Amino acid sequence: MNVKPLGERVLIKVKAAEEKTSGGLIIPQASQEKTQEGTVTAIGESDKIAVKVGDNVMYDKYAGTSFKINGEDYLIIKSEEILAVIG
């Protein structure tokens, strides 16, 4: 499936939640927090978008609309909901 965001929206592949703590304890899936990081996979056609495909980004916790493509989590958000580029 090919998804192309419109306007000032960005498609992000959501980073998988950590399944272990730094101490090695396994975190049950029901207790895992929603991640706020991901990789930009597509951008809309607006010139106002400050990120590019391949950037690792941090975004608002409750931003956008989430969905799955081939079992992987994706998110479409407005570009202004991106808080930082992680380098």
PDB file of N, CA and C in Angstrom:
ATOM      1  N   MET A   1       0.846  -1.171   0.000  1.00  0.00           N
ATOM      2  CA  MET A   1       0.000   0.000   0.000  1.00  0.00           C
ATOM      3  C   MET A   1       0.895   1.239   0.000  1.00  0.00           C
ATOM      4  N   ASN A   2       0.573   2.223  -0.817  1.00  0.00           N
ATOM      5  CA  ASN A   2       1.329   3.455  -0.911  1.00  0.00           C
ATOM      6  C   ASN A   2       0.497   4.588  -0.325  1.00  0.00           C
ATOM      7  N   VAL A   3       1.025   5.280   0.696  1.00  0.00           N
ATOM      8  CA  VAL A   3       0.310   6.363   1.357  1.00  0.00           C
ATOM      9  C   VAL A   3       1.086   7.650   1.125  1.00  0.00           C
ATOM     10  N   LYS A   4       0.419   8.669   0.585  1.00  0.00           N
ATOM     11  CA  LYS A   4       1.025   9.978   0.338  1.00  0.00           C
ATOM     12  C   LYS A   4       0.255  11.017   1.135  1.00  0.00           C
ATOM     13  N   PRO A   5       0.877  11.631   2.168  1.00  0.00           N
ATOM     14  CA  PRO A   5       0.192  12.666   2.947  1.00  0.00           C
ATOM     15  C   PRO A   5      -0.112  13.885   2.080  1.00  0.00           C
ATOM     16  N   LEU A   6      -1.179  14.590   2.410  1.00  0.00           N
ATOM     17  CA  LEU A   6      -1.569  15.794   1.681  1.00  0.00           C
ATOM     18  C   LEU A   6      -1.254  17.034   2.508  1.00  0.00           C
ATOM     19  N   GLY A   7      -1.069  18.158   1.832  1.00  0.00           N
ATOM     20  CA  GLY A   7      -0.851  19.433   2.517  1.00  0.00           C
ATOM     21  C   GLY A   7       0.393  19.435   3.377  1.00  0.00           C
ATOM     22  N   GLU A   8       0.242  19.899   4.614  1.00  0.00           N
ATOM     23  CA  GLU A   8       1.357  20.009   5.549  1.00  0.00           C
ATOM     24  C   GLU A   8       1.435  18.809   6.494  1.00  0.00           C
ATOM     25  N   ARG A   9       1.044  17.657   6.013  1.00  0.00           N
ATOM     26  CA  ARG A   9       1.060  16.454   6.847  1.00  0.00           C
ATOM     27  C   ARG A   9       2.279  15.596   6.540  1.00  0.00           C
ATOM     28  N   VAL A  10       2.647  14.769   7.525  1.00  0.00           N
ATOM     29  CA  VAL A  10       3.832  13.923   7.436  1.00  0.00           C
ATOM     30  C   VAL A  10       3.446  12.503   7.841  1.00  0.00           C
ATOM     31  N   LEU A  11       3.953  11.514   7.107  1.00  0.00           N
ATOM     32  CA  LEU A  11       3.741  10.100   7.446  1.00  0.00           C
ATOM     33  C   LEU A  11       4.964   9.610   8.200  1.00  0.00           C
ATOM     34  N   ILE A  12       4.728   9.057   9.399  1.00  0.00           N
ATOM     35  CA  ILE A  12       5.811   8.596  10.267  1.00  0.00           C
ATOM     36  C   ILE A  12       5.632   7.119  10.578  1.00  0.00           C
ATOM     37  N   LYS A  13       6.731   6.353  10.448  1.00  0.00           N
ATOM     38  CA  LYS A  13       6.745   4.967  10.899  1.00  0.00           C
ATOM     39  C   LYS A  13       7.111   5.004  12.374  1.00  0.00           C
ATOM     40  N   VAL A  14       6.194   4.561  13.222  1.00  0.00           N
ATOM     41  CA  VAL A  14       6.355   4.654  14.675  1.00  0.00           C
ATOM     42  C   VAL A  14       7.414   3.661  15.147  1.00  0.00           C
ATOM     43  N   LYS A  15       8.305   4.154  15.999  1.00  0.00           N
ATOM     44  CA  LYS A  15       9.331   3.304  16.609  1.00  0.00           C
ATOM     45  C   LYS A  15       8.660   2.350  17.583  1.00  0.00           C
ATOM     46  N   ALA A  16       9.071   1.096  17.557  1.00  0.00           N
ATOM     47  CA  ALA A  16       8.486   0.098  18.454  1.00  0.00           C
ATOM     48  C   ALA A  16       8.805   0.433  19.902  1.00  0.00           C
ATOM     49  N   ALA A  17       7.854   0.166  20.797  1.00  0.00           N
ATOM     50  CA  ALA A  17       8.039   0.426  22.225  1.00  0.00           C
ATOM     51  C   ALA A  17       9.083  -0.528  22.802  1.00  0.00           C
ATOM     52  N   GLU A  18       9.813  -0.034  23.786  1.00  0.00           N
ATOM     53  CA  GLU A  18      10.816  -0.860  24.453  1.00  0.00           C
ATOM     54  C   GLU A  18      10.119  -1.987  25.207  1.00  0.00           C
ATOM     55  N   GLU A  19      10.639  -3.199  25.055  1.00  0.00           N
ATOM     56  CA  GLU A  19      10.043  -4.355  25.726  1.00  0.00           C
ATOM     57  C   GLU A  19      10.784  -4.729  27.000  1.00  0.00           C
ATOM     58  N   LYS A  20      11.958  -4.126  27.205  1.00  0.00           N
ATOM     59  CA  LYS A  20      12.743  -4.387  28.417  1.00  0.00           C
ATOM     60  C   LYS A  20      13.199  -3.069  29.017  1.00  0.00           C
ATOM     61  N   THR A  21      13.337  -3.063  30.336  1.00  0.00           N
ATOM     62  CA  THR A  21      13.893  -1.893  31.009  1.00  0.00           C
ATOM     63  C   THR A  21      15.413  -1.938  30.878  1.00  0.00           C
ATOM     64  N   SER A  22      16.072  -0.867  31.271  1.00  0.00           N
ATOM     65  CA  SER A  22      17.539  -0.843  31.223  1.00  0.00           C
ATOM     66  C   SER A  22      18.141  -1.893  32.154  1.00  0.00           C
ATOM     67  N   GLY A  23      17.372  -2.311  33.168  1.00  0.00           N
ATOM     68  CA  GLY A  23      17.825  -3.345  34.091  1.00  0.00           C
ATOM     69  C   GLY A  23      17.537  -4.760  33.617  1.00  0.00           C
ATOM     70  N   GLY A  24      16.856  -4.899  32.474  1.00  0.00           N
ATOM     71  CA  GLY A  24      16.592  -6.218  31.905  1.00  0.00           C
ATOM     72  C   GLY A  24      15.225  -6.792  32.208  1.00  0.00           C
ATOM     73  N   LEU A  25      14.377  -6.056  32.937  1.00  0.00           N
ATOM     74  CA  LEU A  25      13.034  -6.549  33.229  1.00  0.00           C
ATOM     75  C   LEU A  25      12.153  -6.430  31.991  1.00  0.00           C
ATOM     76  N   ILE A  26      11.332  -7.437  31.746  1.00  0.00           N
ATOM     77  CA  ILE A  26      10.431  -7.430  30.597  1.00  0.00           C
ATOM     78  C   ILE A  26       9.159  -6.659  30.955  1.00  0.00           C
ATOM     79  N   ILE A  27       8.780  -5.722  30.094  1.00  0.00           N
ATOM     80  CA  ILE A  27       7.583  -4.911  30.310  1.00  0.00           C
ATOM     81  C   ILE A  27       6.426  -5.550  29.547  1.00  0.00           C
ATOM     82  N   PRO A  28       5.320  -5.902  30.227  1.00  0.00           N
ATOM     83  CA  PRO A  28       4.170  -6.473  29.521  1.00  0.00           C
ATOM     84  C   PRO A  28       3.619  -5.470  28.505  1.00  0.00           C
ATOM     85  N   GLN A  29       3.096  -5.965  27.385  1.00  0.00           N
ATOM     86  CA  GLN A  29       2.610  -5.089  26.327  1.00  0.00           C
ATOM     87  C   GLN A  29       1.528  -4.136  26.822  1.00  0.00           C
ATOM     88  N   ALA A  30       0.678  -4.577  27.731  1.00  0.00           N
ATOM     89  CA  ALA A  30      -0.395  -3.731  28.247  1.00  0.00           C
ATOM     90  C   ALA A  30       0.141  -2.552  29.052  1.00  0.00           C
ATOM     91  N   SER A  31       1.354  -2.672  29.587  1.00  0.00           N
ATOM     92  CA  SER A  31       1.935  -1.609  30.408  1.00  0.00           C
ATOM     93  C   SER A  31       2.883  -0.694  29.641  1.00  0.00           C
ATOM     94  N   GLN A  32       3.170  -1.026  28.382  1.00  0.00           N
ATOM     95  CA  GLN A  32       4.102  -0.221  27.607  1.00  0.00           C
ATOM     96  C   GLN A  32       3.478   1.116  27.237  1.00  0.00           C
ATOM     97  N   GLU A  33       4.266   2.170  27.360  1.00  0.00           N
ATOM     98  CA  GLU A  33       3.794   3.500  26.998  1.00  0.00           C
ATOM     99  C   GLU A  33       3.875   3.688  25.489  1.00  0.00           C
ATOM    100  N   LYS A  34       2.984   4.522  24.972  1.00  0.00           N
ATOM    101  CA  LYS A  34       3.008   4.873  23.566  1.00  0.00           C
ATOM    102  C   LYS A  34       4.289   5.655  23.288  1.00  0.00           C
ATOM    103  N   THR A  35       5.029   5.256  22.248  1.00  0.00           N
ATOM    104  CA  THR A  35       6.264   5.969  21.930  1.00  0.00           C
ATOM    105  C   THR A  35       5.948   7.315  21.286  1.00  0.00           C
ATOM    106  N   GLN A  36       6.910   8.206  21.318  1.00  0.00           N
ATOM    107  CA  GLN A  36       6.766   9.520  20.707  1.00  0.00           C
ATOM    108  C   GLN A  36       7.875   9.749  19.694  1.00  0.00           C
ATOM    109  N   GLU A  37       8.423   8.658  19.157  1.00  0.00           N
ATOM    110  CA  GLU A  37       9.511   8.748  18.198  1.00  0.00           C
ATOM    111  C   GLU A  37       9.189   7.903  16.981  1.00  0.00           C
ATOM    112  N   GLY A  38       9.747   8.322  15.861  1.00  0.00           N
ATOM    113  CA  GLY A  38       9.554   7.570  14.635  1.00  0.00           C
ATOM    114  C   GLY A  38      10.411   8.117  13.515  1.00  0.00           C
ATOM    115  N   THR A  39      10.267   7.497  12.331  1.00  0.00           N
ATOM    116  CA  THR A  39      11.029   7.883  11.152  1.00  0.00           C
ATOM    117  C   THR A  39      10.079   8.399  10.086  1.00  0.00           C
ATOM    118  N   VAL A  40      10.398   9.553   9.516  1.00  0.00           N
ATOM    119  CA  VAL A  40       9.577  10.140   8.455  1.00  0.00           C
ATOM    120  C   VAL A  40       9.714   9.270   7.206  1.00  0.00           C
ATOM    121  N   THR A  41       8.573   8.793   6.679  1.00  0.00           N
ATOM    122  CA  THR A  41       8.599   7.953   5.480  1.00  0.00           C
ATOM    123  C   THR A  41       8.026   8.661   4.258  1.00  0.00           C
ATOM    124  N   ALA A  42       7.232   9.708   4.459  1.00  0.00           N
ATOM    125  CA  ALA A  42       6.689  10.495   3.343  1.00  0.00           C
ATOM    126  C   ALA A  42       6.238  11.843   3.871  1.00  0.00           C
ATOM    127  N   ILE A  43       6.276  12.851   2.994  1.00  0.00           N
ATOM    128  CA  ILE A  43       5.823  14.187   3.378  1.00  0.00           C
ATOM    129  C   ILE A  43       4.857  14.726   2.335  1.00  0.00           C
ATOM    130  N   GLY A  44       4.016  15.681   2.765  1.00  0.00           N
ATOM    131  CA  GLY A  44       3.083  16.336   1.855  1.00  0.00           C
ATOM    132  C   GLY A  44       3.817  17.280   0.918  1.00  0.00           C
ATOM    133  N   GLU A  45       3.051  17.972   0.088  1.00  0.00           N
ATOM    134  CA  GLU A  45       3.664  18.816  -0.935  1.00  0.00           C
ATOM    135  C   GLU A  45       3.923  20.257  -0.505  1.00  0.00           C
ATOM    136  N   SER A  46       3.704  20.599   0.750  1.00  0.00           N
ATOM    137  CA  SER A  46       3.880  21.964   1.237  1.00  0.00           C
ATOM    138  C   SER A  46       5.360  22.329   1.392  1.00  0.00           C
ATOM    139  N   ASP A  47       5.691  23.595   1.126  1.00  0.00           N
ATOM    140  CA  ASP A  47       7.056  24.092   1.326  1.00  0.00           C
ATOM    141  C   ASP A  47       7.340  24.391   2.789  1.00  0.00           C
ATOM    142  N   LYS A  48       6.329  24.388   3.642  1.00  0.00           N
ATOM    143  CA  LYS A  48       6.482  24.736   5.052  1.00  0.00           C
ATOM    144  C   LYS A  48       6.966  23.560   5.914  1.00  0.00           C
ATOM    145  N   ILE A  49       7.094  22.387   5.336  1.00  0.00           N
ATOM    146  CA  ILE A  49       7.510  21.208   6.098  1.00  0.00           C
ATOM    147  C   ILE A  49       9.027  21.250   6.295  1.00  0.00           C
ATOM    148  N   ALA A  50       9.463  21.213   7.561  1.00  0.00           N
ATOM    149  CA  ALA A  50      10.878  21.390   7.897  1.00  0.00           C
ATOM    150  C   ALA A  50      11.655  20.078   7.998  1.00  0.00           C
ATOM    151  N   VAL A  51      11.008  18.936   7.811  1.00  0.00           N
ATOM    152  CA  VAL A  51      11.703  17.654   7.893  1.00  0.00           C
ATOM    153  C   VAL A  51      11.755  17.019   6.516  1.00  0.00           C
ATOM    154  N   LYS A  52      12.594  15.997   6.391  1.00  0.00           N
ATOM    155  CA  LYS A  52      12.685  15.282   5.116  1.00  0.00           C
ATOM    156  C   LYS A  52      12.552  13.784   5.375  1.00  0.00           C
ATOM    157  N   VAL A  53      12.306  13.030   4.329  1.00  0.00           N
ATOM    158  CA  VAL A  53      12.173  11.576   4.439  1.00  0.00           C
ATOM    159  C   VAL A  53      13.468  11.003   5.005  1.00  0.00           C
ATOM    160  N   GLY A  54      13.330  10.133   5.988  1.00  0.00           N
ATOM    161  CA  GLY A  54      14.475   9.498   6.635  1.00  0.00           C
ATOM    162  C   GLY A  54      14.853  10.111   7.971  1.00  0.00           C
ATOM    163  N   ASP A  55      14.325  11.300   8.280  1.00  0.00           N
ATOM    164  CA  ASP A  55      14.616  11.940   9.568  1.00  0.00           C
ATOM    165  C   ASP A  55      13.965  11.169  10.717  1.00  0.00           C
ATOM    166  N   ASN A  56      14.700  11.019  11.820  1.00  0.00           N
ATOM    167  CA  ASN A  56      14.127  10.478  13.050  1.00  0.00           C
ATOM    168  C   ASN A  56      13.592  11.662  13.837  1.00  0.00           C
ATOM    169  N   VAL A  57      12.329  11.589  14.238  1.00  0.00           N
ATOM    170  CA  VAL A  57      11.679  12.730  14.864  1.00  0.00           C
ATOM    171  C   VAL A  57      10.988  12.357  16.163  1.00  0.00           C
ATOM    172  N   MET A  58      10.726  13.384  16.982  1.00  0.00           N
ATOM    173  CA  MET A  58       9.926  13.267  18.193  1.00  0.00           C
ATOM    174  C   MET A  58       8.680  14.120  17.967  1.00  0.00           C
ATOM    175  N   TYR A  59       7.509  13.598  18.364  1.00  0.00           N
ATOM    176  CA  TYR A  59       6.250  14.300  18.114  1.00  0.00           C
ATOM    177  C   TYR A  59       5.388  14.299  19.361  1.00  0.00           C
ATOM    178  N   ASP A  60       4.332  15.144  19.353  1.00  0.00           N
ATOM    179  CA  ASP A  60       3.394  15.214  20.479  1.00  0.00           C
ATOM    180  C   ASP A  60       2.820  13.836  20.783  1.00  0.00           C
ATOM    181  N   LYS A  61       2.585  13.573  22.060  1.00  0.00           N
ATOM    182  CA  LYS A  61       2.128  12.253  22.501  1.00  0.00           C
ATOM    183  C   LYS A  61       0.789  11.845  21.888  1.00  0.00           C
ATOM    184  N   TYR A  62      -0.150  12.770  21.762  1.00  0.00           N
ATOM    185  CA  TYR A  62      -1.474  12.418  21.255  1.00  0.00           C
ATOM    186  C   TYR A  62      -1.721  12.986  19.859  1.00  0.00           C
ATOM    187  N   ALA A  63      -0.669  13.174  19.099  1.00  0.00           N
ATOM    188  CA  ALA A  63      -0.771  13.780  17.770  1.00  0.00           C
ATOM    189  C   ALA A  63      -1.239  12.778  16.727  1.00  0.00           C
ATOM    190  N   GLY A  64      -1.945  13.294  15.730  1.00  0.00           N
ATOM    191  CA  GLY A  64      -2.221  12.564  14.509  1.00  0.00           C
ATOM    192  C   GLY A  64      -3.182  11.402  14.575  1.00  0.00           C
ATOM    193  N   THR A  65      -3.184  10.663  13.471  1.00  0.00           N
ATOM    194  CA  THR A  65      -4.037   9.493  13.302  1.00  0.00           C
ATOM    195  C   THR A  65      -3.154   8.279  13.056  1.00  0.00           C
ATOM    196  N   SER A  66      -3.308   7.257  13.879  1.00  0.00           N
ATOM    197  CA  SER A  66      -2.474   6.062  13.732  1.00  0.00           C
ATOM    198  C   SER A  66      -3.224   4.978  12.973  1.00  0.00           C
ATOM    199  N   PHE A  67      -2.453   4.157  12.245  1.00  0.00           N
ATOM    200  CA  PHE A  67      -3.007   3.027  11.495  1.00  0.00           C
ATOM    201  C   PHE A  67      -1.882   2.043  11.209  1.00  0.00           C
ATOM    202  N   LYS A  68      -2.233   0.883  10.667  1.00  0.00           N
ATOM    203  CA  LYS A  68      -1.248  -0.158  10.375  1.00  0.00           C
ATOM    204  C   LYS A  68      -1.195  -0.418   8.872  1.00  0.00           C
ATOM    205  N   ILE A  69       0.024  -0.645   8.384  1.00  0.00           N
ATOM    206  CA  ILE A  69       0.253  -1.089   7.012  1.00  0.00           C
ATOM    207  C   ILE A  69       1.135  -2.327   7.107  1.00  0.00           C
ATOM    208  N   ASN A  70       0.654  -3.447   6.606  1.00  0.00           N
ATOM    209  CA  ASN A  70       1.404  -4.707   6.659  1.00  0.00           C
ATOM    210  C   ASN A  70       1.902  -5.027   8.071  1.00  0.00           C
ATOM    211  N   GLY A  71       1.066  -4.763   9.073  1.00  0.00           N
ATOM    212  CA  GLY A  71       1.398  -5.089  10.455  1.00  0.00           C
ATOM    213  C   GLY A  71       2.322  -4.097  11.148  1.00  0.00           C
ATOM    214  N   GLU A  72       2.716  -3.009  10.484  1.00  0.00           N
ATOM    215  CA  GLU A  72       3.596  -2.008  11.080  1.00  0.00           C
ATOM    216  C   GLU A  72       2.795  -0.757  11.404  1.00  0.00           C
ATOM    217  N   ASP A  73       3.132  -0.103  12.530  1.00  0.00           N
ATOM    218  CA  ASP A  73       2.413   1.088  12.980  1.00  0.00           C
ATOM    219  C   ASP A  73       2.916   2.341  12.275  1.00  0.00           C
ATOM    220  N   TYR A  74       1.960   3.133  11.774  1.00  0.00           N
ATOM    221  CA  TYR A  74       2.258   4.416  11.127  1.00  0.00           C
ATOM    222  C   TYR A  74       1.373   5.491  11.726  1.00  0.00           C
ATOM    223  N   LEU A  75       1.762   6.729  11.499  1.00  0.00           N
ATOM    224  CA  LEU A  75       1.049   7.878  12.038  1.00  0.00           C
ATOM    225  C   LEU A  75       1.092   8.996  11.009  1.00  0.00           C
ATOM    226  N   ILE A  76      -0.053   9.622  10.745  1.00  0.00           N
ATOM    227  CA  ILE A  76      -0.081  10.824   9.909  1.00  0.00           C
ATOM    228  C   ILE A  76      -0.346  11.991  10.844  1.00  0.00           C
ATOM    229  N   ILE A  77       0.572  12.976  10.827  1.00  0.00           N
ATOM    230  CA  ILE A  77       0.434  14.133  11.701  1.00  0.00           C
ATOM    231  C   ILE A  77       0.672  15.419  10.916  1.00  0.00           C
ATOM    232  N   LYS A  78       0.228  16.527  11.472  1.00  0.00           N
ATOM    233  CA  LYS A  78       0.534  17.832  10.899  1.00  0.00           C
ATOM    234  C   LYS A  78       1.999  18.136  11.195  1.00  0.00           C
ATOM    235  N   SER A  79       2.665  18.797  10.278  1.00  0.00           N
ATOM    236  CA  SER A  79       4.094  19.040  10.453  1.00  0.00           C
ATOM    237  C   SER A  79       4.406  19.861  11.706  1.00  0.00           C
ATOM    238  N   GLU A  80       3.492  20.728  12.129  1.00  0.00           N
ATOM    239  CA  GLU A  80       3.764  21.536  13.320  1.00  0.00           C
ATOM    240  C   GLU A  80       3.685  20.722  14.612  1.00  0.00           C
ATOM    241  N   GLU A  81       3.206  19.481  14.554  1.00  0.00           N
ATOM    242  CA  GLU A  81       3.171  18.619  15.744  1.00  0.00           C
ATOM    243  C   GLU A  81       4.491  17.881  15.958  1.00  0.00           C
ATOM    244  N   ILE A  82       5.431  18.045  15.032  1.00  0.00           N
ATOM    245  CA  ILE A  82       6.766  17.480  15.209  1.00  0.00           C
ATOM    246  C   ILE A  82       7.551  18.425  16.109  1.00  0.00           C
ATOM    247  N   LEU A  83       8.074  17.887  17.208  1.00  0.00           N
ATOM    248  CA  LEU A  83       8.755  18.697  18.211  1.00  0.00           C
ATOM    249  C   LEU A  83      10.253  18.847  17.943  1.00  0.00           C
ATOM    250  N   ALA A  84      10.889  17.783  17.415  1.00  0.00           N
ATOM    251  CA  ALA A  84      12.340  17.820  17.221  1.00  0.00           C
ATOM    252  C   ALA A  84      12.776  16.763  16.231  1.00  0.00           C
ATOM    253  N   VAL A  85      13.914  17.025  15.597  1.00  0.00           N
ATOM    254  CA  VAL A  85      14.593  16.023  14.776  1.00  0.00           C
ATOM    255  C   VAL A  85      15.684  15.429  15.657  1.00  0.00           C
ATOM    256  N   ILE A  86      15.710  14.099  15.748  1.00  0.00           N
ATOM    257  CA  ILE A  86      16.695  13.408  16.597  1.00  0.00           C
ATOM    258  C   ILE A  86      17.849  12.976  15.716  1.00  0.00           C
ATOM    259  N   GLY A  87      19.049  13.398  16.069  1.00  0.00           N
ATOM    260  CA  GLY A  87      20.206  13.114  15.212  1.00  0.00           C
ATOM    261  C   GLY A  87      21.194  12.315  15.868  1.00  0.00           C
TER     262      GLY A  87
END
